[in-house]
Amino acid sequence: MPLPKISDIRDLSDQEITDQITATKRQLFELRFQKATRQLTGTHQFKHLRHRLSQLKTIERERQLQQATTATPEE
């Protein structure tokens, strides 16, 4: 399974990105729980989910900065 592309995330709305961040954090929690109870079989999922979470947060922050610069015009 290849790593997710950031271009897929750029097409999402702000609310969808927030929902995806929440869902990814929950999936990471569940993976950690499975690892602790020795039920986890695919440890590569950690890498994919952490990568996805960082992409989501990056796009979210880019949009926040973009809104901040458009909200306060420079004089």
PDB file of N, CA and C in Angstrom:
ATOM      1  N   MET A   1       0.843  -1.174   0.000  1.00  0.00           N
ATOM      2  CA  MET A   1       0.000   0.000   0.000  1.00  0.00           C
ATOM      3  C   MET A   1       0.892   1.242   0.000  1.00  0.00           C
ATOM      4  N   PRO A   2       0.780   2.078  -1.019  1.00  0.00           N
ATOM      5  CA  PRO A   2       1.625   3.276  -1.078  1.00  0.00           C
ATOM      6  C   PRO A   2       1.149   4.349  -0.096  1.00  0.00           C
ATOM      7  N   LEU A   3       2.050   5.255   0.208  1.00  0.00           N
ATOM      8  CA  LEU A   3       1.701   6.365   1.084  1.00  0.00           C
ATOM      9  C   LEU A   3       0.691   7.270   0.394  1.00  0.00           C
ATOM     10  N   PRO A   4      -0.207   7.901   1.159  1.00  0.00           N
ATOM     11  CA  PRO A   4      -1.214   8.770   0.552  1.00  0.00           C
ATOM     12  C   PRO A   4      -0.594  10.027  -0.051  1.00  0.00           C
ATOM     13  N   LYS A   5      -1.247  10.565  -1.063  1.00  0.00           N
ATOM     14  CA  LYS A   5      -0.770  11.764  -1.751  1.00  0.00           C
ATOM     15  C   LYS A   5      -1.399  13.005  -1.131  1.00  0.00           C
ATOM     16  N   ILE A   6      -0.618  14.060  -1.026  1.00  0.00           N
ATOM     17  CA  ILE A   6      -1.106  15.296  -0.437  1.00  0.00           C
ATOM     18  C   ILE A   6      -2.081  16.001  -1.381  1.00  0.00           C
ATOM     19  N   SER A   7      -1.981  15.730  -2.673  1.00  0.00           N
ATOM     20  CA  SER A   7      -2.901  16.359  -3.625  1.00  0.00           C
ATOM     21  C   SER A   7      -4.336  15.910  -3.388  1.00  0.00           C
ATOM     22  N   ASP A   8      -4.516  14.697  -2.845  1.00  0.00           N
ATOM     23  CA  ASP A   8      -5.860  14.228  -2.518  1.00  0.00           C
ATOM     24  C   ASP A   8      -6.466  15.052  -1.384  1.00  0.00           C
ATOM     25  N   ILE A   9      -5.639  15.480  -0.468  1.00  0.00           N
ATOM     26  CA  ILE A   9      -6.110  16.234   0.692  1.00  0.00           C
ATOM     27  C   ILE A   9      -6.467  17.659   0.307  1.00  0.00           C
ATOM     28  N   ARG A  10      -5.753  18.233  -0.624  1.00  0.00           N
ATOM     29  CA  ARG A  10      -6.008  19.619  -1.018  1.00  0.00           C
ATOM     30  C   ARG A  10      -7.412  19.814  -1.593  1.00  0.00           C
ATOM     31  N   ASP A  11      -8.017  18.751  -2.093  1.00  0.00           N
ATOM     32  CA  ASP A  11      -9.365  18.837  -2.657  1.00  0.00           C
ATOM     33  C   ASP A  11     -10.455  18.809  -1.592  1.00  0.00           C
ATOM     34  N   LEU A  12     -10.101  18.495  -0.347  1.00  0.00           N
ATOM     35  CA  LEU A  12     -11.098  18.400   0.719  1.00  0.00           C
ATOM     36  C   LEU A  12     -11.447  19.772   1.279  1.00  0.00           C
ATOM     37  N   SER A  13     -12.644  19.880   1.849  1.00  0.00           N
ATOM     38  CA  SER A  13     -13.047  21.122   2.510  1.00  0.00           C
ATOM     39  C   SER A  13     -12.425  21.167   3.905  1.00  0.00           C
ATOM     40  N   ASP A  14     -12.530  22.326   4.557  1.00  0.00           N
ATOM     41  CA  ASP A  14     -11.959  22.483   5.891  1.00  0.00           C
ATOM     42  C   ASP A  14     -12.590  21.508   6.885  1.00  0.00           C
ATOM     43  N   GLN A  15     -13.907  21.349   6.814  1.00  0.00           N
ATOM     44  CA  GLN A  15     -14.597  20.442   7.725  1.00  0.00           C
ATOM     45  C   GLN A  15     -14.182  18.991   7.482  1.00  0.00           C
ATOM     46  N   GLU A  16     -14.027  18.628   6.227  1.00  0.00           N
ATOM     47  CA  GLU A  16     -13.603  17.265   5.903  1.00  0.00           C
ATOM     48  C   GLU A  16     -12.193  16.994   6.422  1.00  0.00           C
ATOM     49  N   ILE A  17     -11.331  17.989   6.341  1.00  0.00           N
ATOM     50  CA  ILE A  17      -9.966  17.831   6.856  1.00  0.00           C
ATOM     51  C   ILE A  17      -9.997  17.633   8.370  1.00  0.00           C
ATOM     52  N   THR A  18     -10.805  18.425   9.056  1.00  0.00           N
ATOM     53  CA  THR A  18     -10.933  18.285  10.507  1.00  0.00           C
ATOM     54  C   THR A  18     -11.467  16.900  10.871  1.00  0.00           C
ATOM     55  N   ASP A  19     -12.451  16.432  10.124  1.00  0.00           N
ATOM     56  CA  ASP A  19     -13.005  15.094  10.364  1.00  0.00           C
ATOM     57  C   ASP A  19     -11.961  14.009  10.110  1.00  0.00           C
ATOM     58  N   GLN A  20     -11.164  14.188   9.059  1.00  0.00           N
ATOM     59  CA  GLN A  20     -10.124  13.216   8.730  1.00  0.00           C
ATOM     60  C   GLN A  20      -9.047  13.183   9.824  1.00  0.00           C
ATOM     61  N   ILE A  21      -8.697  14.349  10.375  1.00  0.00           N
ATOM     62  CA  ILE A  21      -7.709  14.410  11.451  1.00  0.00           C
ATOM     63  C   ILE A  21      -8.212  13.628  12.656  1.00  0.00           C
ATOM     64  N   THR A  22      -9.468  13.842  13.009  1.00  0.00           N
ATOM     65  CA  THR A  22     -10.066  13.137  14.147  1.00  0.00           C
ATOM     66  C   THR A  22     -10.081  11.623  13.903  1.00  0.00           C
ATOM     67  N   ALA A  23     -10.482  11.226  12.710  1.00  0.00           N
ATOM     68  CA  ALA A  23     -10.549   9.802  12.385  1.00  0.00           C
ATOM     69  C   ALA A  23      -9.161   9.160  12.392  1.00  0.00           C
ATOM     70  N   THR A  24      -8.172   9.868  11.886  1.00  0.00           N
ATOM     71  CA  THR A  24      -6.812   9.331  11.848  1.00  0.00           C
ATOM     72  C   THR A  24      -6.242   9.189  13.256  1.00  0.00           C
ATOM     73  N   LYS A  25      -6.505  10.172  14.114  1.00  0.00           N
ATOM     74  CA  LYS A  25      -6.045  10.073  15.499  1.00  0.00           C
ATOM     75  C   LYS A  25      -6.692   8.884  16.196  1.00  0.00           C
ATOM     76  N   ARG A  26      -7.968   8.648  15.921  1.00  0.00           N
ATOM     77  CA  ARG A  26      -8.665   7.512  16.517  1.00  0.00           C
ATOM     78  C   ARG A  26      -8.069   6.190  16.016  1.00  0.00           C
ATOM     79  N   GLN A  27      -7.759   6.127  14.725  1.00  0.00           N
ATOM     80  CA  GLN A  27      -7.160   4.915  14.167  1.00  0.00           C
ATOM     81  C   GLN A  27      -5.796   4.646  14.792  1.00  0.00           C
ATOM     82  N   LEU A  28      -5.007   5.700  14.995  1.00  0.00           N
ATOM     83  CA  LEU A  28      -3.704   5.533  15.640  1.00  0.00           C
ATOM     84  C   LEU A  28      -3.863   5.023  17.069  1.00  0.00           C
ATOM     85  N   PHE A  29      -4.859   5.553  17.779  1.00  0.00           N
ATOM     86  CA  PHE A  29      -5.120   5.081  19.132  1.00  0.00           C
ATOM     87  C   PHE A  29      -5.469   3.596  19.127  1.00  0.00           C
ATOM     88  N   GLU A  30      -6.333   3.207  18.209  1.00  0.00           N
ATOM     89  CA  GLU A  30      -6.740   1.807  18.118  1.00  0.00           C
ATOM     90  C   GLU A  30      -5.555   0.903  17.774  1.00  0.00           C
ATOM     91  N   LEU A  31      -4.665   1.378  16.906  1.00  0.00           N
ATOM     92  CA  LEU A  31      -3.472   0.598  16.576  1.00  0.00           C
ATOM     93  C   LEU A  31      -2.569   0.439  17.791  1.00  0.00           C
ATOM     94  N   ARG A  32      -2.394   1.515  18.556  1.00  0.00           N
ATOM     95  CA  ARG A  32      -1.575   1.428  19.762  1.00  0.00           C
ATOM     96  C   ARG A  32      -2.193   0.454  20.769  1.00  0.00           C
ATOM     97  N   PHE A  33      -3.512   0.470  20.862  1.00  0.00           N
ATOM     98  CA  PHE A  33      -4.211  -0.442  21.751  1.00  0.00           C
ATOM     99  C   PHE A  33      -4.009  -1.887  21.299  1.00  0.00           C
ATOM    100  N   GLN A  34      -4.123  -2.128  19.999  1.00  0.00           N
ATOM    101  CA  GLN A  34      -3.903  -3.476  19.463  1.00  0.00           C
ATOM    102  C   GLN A  34      -2.468  -3.934  19.695  1.00  0.00           C
ATOM    103  N   LYS A  35      -1.533  -3.004  19.558  1.00  0.00           N
ATOM    104  CA  LYS A  35      -0.133  -3.348  19.779  1.00  0.00           C
ATOM    105  C   LYS A  35       0.102  -3.735  21.243  1.00  0.00           C
ATOM    106  N   ALA A  36      -0.523  -2.993  22.151  1.00  0.00           N
ATOM    107  CA  ALA A  36      -0.357  -3.262  23.577  1.00  0.00           C
ATOM    108  C   ALA A  36      -0.958  -4.608  23.967  1.00  0.00           C
ATOM    109  N   THR A  37      -2.025  -5.003  23.298  1.00  0.00           N
ATOM    110  CA  THR A  37      -2.674  -6.283  23.608  1.00  0.00           C
ATOM    111  C   THR A  37      -2.175  -7.405  22.699  1.00  0.00           C
ATOM    112  N   ARG A  38      -1.156  -7.113  21.926  1.00  0.00           N
ATOM    113  CA  ARG A  38      -0.509  -8.080  21.022  1.00  0.00           C
ATOM    114  C   ARG A  38      -1.472  -8.661  19.988  1.00  0.00           C
ATOM    115  N   GLN A  39      -2.365  -7.821  19.474  1.00  0.00           N
ATOM    116  CA  GLN A  39      -3.295  -8.251  18.433  1.00  0.00           C
ATOM    117  C   GLN A  39      -2.962  -7.629  17.084  1.00  0.00           C
ATOM    118  N   LEU A  40      -1.956  -6.800  17.027  1.00  0.00           N
ATOM    119  CA  LEU A  40      -1.601  -6.081  15.809  1.00  0.00           C
ATOM    120  C   LEU A  40      -0.791  -6.971  14.874  1.00  0.00           C
ATOM    121  N   THR A  41      -1.168  -6.966  13.594  1.00  0.00           N
ATOM    122  CA  THR A  41      -0.443  -7.783  12.623  1.00  0.00           C
ATOM    123  C   THR A  41       0.322  -6.937  11.604  1.00  0.00           C
ATOM    124  N   GLY A  42      -0.125  -5.725  11.328  1.00  0.00           N
ATOM    125  CA  GLY A  42       0.534  -4.900  10.322  1.00  0.00           C
ATOM    126  C   GLY A  42       1.093  -3.623  10.910  1.00  0.00           C
ATOM    127  N   THR A  43       2.353  -3.673  11.350  1.00  0.00           N
ATOM    128  CA  THR A  43       2.940  -2.498  11.998  1.00  0.00           C
ATOM    129  C   THR A  43       3.215  -1.372  11.012  1.00  0.00           C
ATOM    130  N   HIS A  44       3.203  -1.657   9.717  1.00  0.00           N
ATOM    131  CA  HIS A  44       3.432  -0.614   8.722  1.00  0.00           C
ATOM    132  C   HIS A  44       2.311   0.425   8.729  1.00  0.00           C
ATOM    133  N   GLN A  45       1.182   0.076   9.302  1.00  0.00           N
ATOM    134  CA  GLN A  45       0.048   0.997   9.344  1.00  0.00           C
ATOM    135  C   GLN A  45       0.362   2.239  10.168  1.00  0.00           C
ATOM    136  N   PHE A  46       1.232   2.099  11.173  1.00  0.00           N
ATOM    137  CA  PHE A  46       1.639   3.252  11.961  1.00  0.00           C
ATOM    138  C   PHE A  46       2.265   4.326  11.071  1.00  0.00           C
ATOM    139  N   LYS A  47       3.165   3.889  10.218  1.00  0.00           N
ATOM    140  CA  LYS A  47       3.864   4.825   9.334  1.00  0.00           C
ATOM    141  C   LYS A  47       2.880   5.528   8.410  1.00  0.00           C
ATOM    142  N   HIS A  48       1.968   4.789   7.828  1.00  0.00           N
ATOM    143  CA  HIS A  48       1.010   5.365   6.892  1.00  0.00           C
ATOM    144  C   HIS A  48       0.084   6.365   7.588  1.00  0.00           C
ATOM    145  N   LEU A  49      -0.396   6.011   8.773  1.00  0.00           N
ATOM    146  CA  LEU A  49      -1.314   6.901   9.471  1.00  0.00           C
ATOM    147  C   LEU A  49      -0.608   8.151   9.991  1.00  0.00           C
ATOM    148  N   ARG A  50       0.616   8.004  10.482  1.00  0.00           N
ATOM    149  CA  ARG A  50       1.357   9.191  10.930  1.00  0.00           C
ATOM    150  C   ARG A  50       1.657  10.117   9.766  1.00  0.00           C
ATOM    151  N   HIS A  51       1.973   9.533   8.625  1.00  0.00           N
ATOM    152  CA  HIS A  51       2.234  10.321   7.417  1.00  0.00           C
ATOM    153  C   HIS A  51       0.964  11.061   6.992  1.00  0.00           C
ATOM    154  N   ARG A  52      -0.154  10.363   6.990  1.00  0.00           N
ATOM    155  CA  ARG A  52      -1.441  10.964   6.619  1.00  0.00           C
ATOM    156  C   ARG A  52      -1.803  12.091   7.578  1.00  0.00           C
ATOM    157  N   LEU A  53      -1.597  11.871   8.878  1.00  0.00           N
ATOM    158  CA  LEU A  53      -1.909  12.886   9.874  1.00  0.00           C
ATOM    159  C   LEU A  53      -1.055  14.134   9.677  1.00  0.00           C
ATOM    160  N   SER A  54       0.212  13.958   9.386  1.00  0.00           N
ATOM    161  CA  SER A  54       1.078  15.118   9.176  1.00  0.00           C
ATOM    162  C   SER A  54       0.663  15.888   7.923  1.00  0.00           C
ATOM    163  N   GLN A  55       0.245  15.179   6.877  1.00  0.00           N
ATOM    164  CA  GLN A  55      -0.237  15.854   5.671  1.00  0.00           C
ATOM    165  C   GLN A  55      -1.500  16.654   5.972  1.00  0.00           C
ATOM    166  N   LEU A  56      -2.422  16.056   6.701  1.00  0.00           N
ATOM    167  CA  LEU A  56      -3.671  16.740   7.038  1.00  0.00           C
ATOM    168  C   LEU A  56      -3.408  17.997   7.860  1.00  0.00           C
ATOM    169  N   LYS A  57      -2.542  17.876   8.844  1.00  0.00           N
ATOM    170  CA  LYS A  57      -2.234  19.025   9.693  1.00  0.00           C
ATOM    171  C   LYS A  57      -1.495  20.114   8.918  1.00  0.00           C
ATOM    172  N   THR A  58      -0.658  19.731   7.979  1.00  0.00           N
ATOM    173  CA  THR A  58       0.065  20.703   7.160  1.00  0.00           C
ATOM    174  C   THR A  58      -0.911  21.518   6.318  1.00  0.00           C
ATOM    175  N   ILE A  59      -1.841  20.852   5.664  1.00  0.00           N
ATOM    176  CA  ILE A  59      -2.824  21.551   4.835  1.00  0.00           C
ATOM    177  C   ILE A  59      -3.721  22.427   5.705  1.00  0.00           C
ATOM    178  N   GLU A  60      -4.105  21.922   6.871  1.00  0.00           N
ATOM    179  CA  GLU A  60      -4.930  22.708   7.786  1.00  0.00           C
ATOM    180  C   GLU A  60      -4.200  23.991   8.196  1.00  0.00           C
ATOM    181  N   ARG A  61      -2.927  23.871   8.514  1.00  0.00           N
ATOM    182  CA  ARG A  61      -2.136  25.041   8.924  1.00  0.00           C
ATOM    183  C   ARG A  61      -1.927  26.004   7.756  1.00  0.00           C
ATOM    184  N   GLU A  62      -1.697  25.488   6.571  1.00  0.00           N
ATOM    185  CA  GLU A  62      -1.552  26.353   5.400  1.00  0.00           C
ATOM    186  C   GLU A  62      -2.811  27.196   5.194  1.00  0.00           C
ATOM    187  N   ARG A  63      -3.967  26.567   5.350  1.00  0.00           N
ATOM    188  CA  ARG A  63      -5.225  27.300   5.171  1.00  0.00           C
ATOM    189  C   ARG A  63      -5.434  28.321   6.277  1.00  0.00           C
ATOM    190  N   GLN A  64      -5.036  28.001   7.504  1.00  0.00           N
ATOM    191  CA  GLN A  64      -5.144  28.961   8.597  1.00  0.00           C
ATOM    192  C   GLN A  64      -4.280  30.185   8.329  1.00  0.00           C
ATOM    193  N   LEU A  65      -3.054  29.955   7.868  1.00  0.00           N
ATOM    194  CA  LEU A  65      -2.159  31.072   7.575  1.00  0.00           C
ATOM    195  C   LEU A  65      -2.670  31.898   6.408  1.00  0.00           C
ATOM    196  N   GLN A  66      -3.238  31.237   5.418  1.00  0.00           N
ATOM    197  CA  GLN A  66      -3.787  31.935   4.268  1.00  0.00           C
ATOM    198  C   GLN A  66      -4.967  32.815   4.683  1.00  0.00           C
ATOM    199  N   GLN A  67      -5.816  32.302   5.554  1.00  0.00           N
ATOM    200  CA  GLN A  67      -6.950  33.091   6.031  1.00  0.00           C
ATOM    201  C   GLN A  67      -6.487  34.261   6.885  1.00  0.00           C
ATOM    202  N   ALA A  68      -5.442  34.065   7.660  1.00  0.00           N
ATOM    203  CA  ALA A  68      -4.920  35.127   8.514  1.00  0.00           C
ATOM    204  C   ALA A  68      -4.336  36.259   7.680  1.00  0.00           C
ATOM    205  N   THR A  69      -3.672  35.926   6.584  1.00  0.00           N
ATOM    206  CA  THR A  69      -3.082  36.972   5.754  1.00  0.00           C
ATOM    207  C   THR A  69      -4.144  37.706   4.953  1.00  0.00           C
ATOM    208  N   THR A  70      -5.206  37.040   4.571  1.00  0.00           N
ATOM    209  CA  THR A  70      -6.276  37.716   3.834  1.00  0.00           C
ATOM    210  C   THR A  70      -7.175  38.512   4.765  1.00  0.00           C
ATOM    211  N   ALA A  71      -7.256  38.121   6.040  1.00  0.00           N
ATOM    212  CA  ALA A  71      -8.103  38.824   6.992  1.00  0.00           C
ATOM    213  C   ALA A  71      -7.464  40.142   7.452  1.00  0.00           C
ATOM    214  N   THR A  72      -6.137  40.167   7.526  1.00  0.00           N
ATOM    215  CA  THR A  72      -5.433  41.377   7.969  1.00  0.00           C
ATOM    216  C   THR A  72      -4.584  41.897   6.815  1.00  0.00           C
ATOM    217  N   PRO A  73      -5.148  42.778   5.995  1.00  0.00           N
ATOM    218  CA  PRO A  73      -4.364  43.310   4.863  1.00  0.00           C
ATOM    219  C   PRO A  73      -3.218  44.189   5.360  1.00  0.00           C
ATOM    220  N   GLU A  74      -2.101  44.080   4.672  1.00  0.00           N
ATOM    221  CA  GLU A  74      -0.928  44.868   5.039  1.00  0.00           C
ATOM    222  C   GLU A  74      -1.110  46.295   4.556  1.00  0.00           C
ATOM    223  N   GLU A  75      -0.619  47.212   5.350  1.00  0.00           N
ATOM    224  CA  GLU A  75      -0.764  48.632   5.011  1.00  0.00           C
ATOM    225  C   GLU A  75       0.503  49.190   4.428  1.00  0.00           C
TER     226      GLU A  75
END
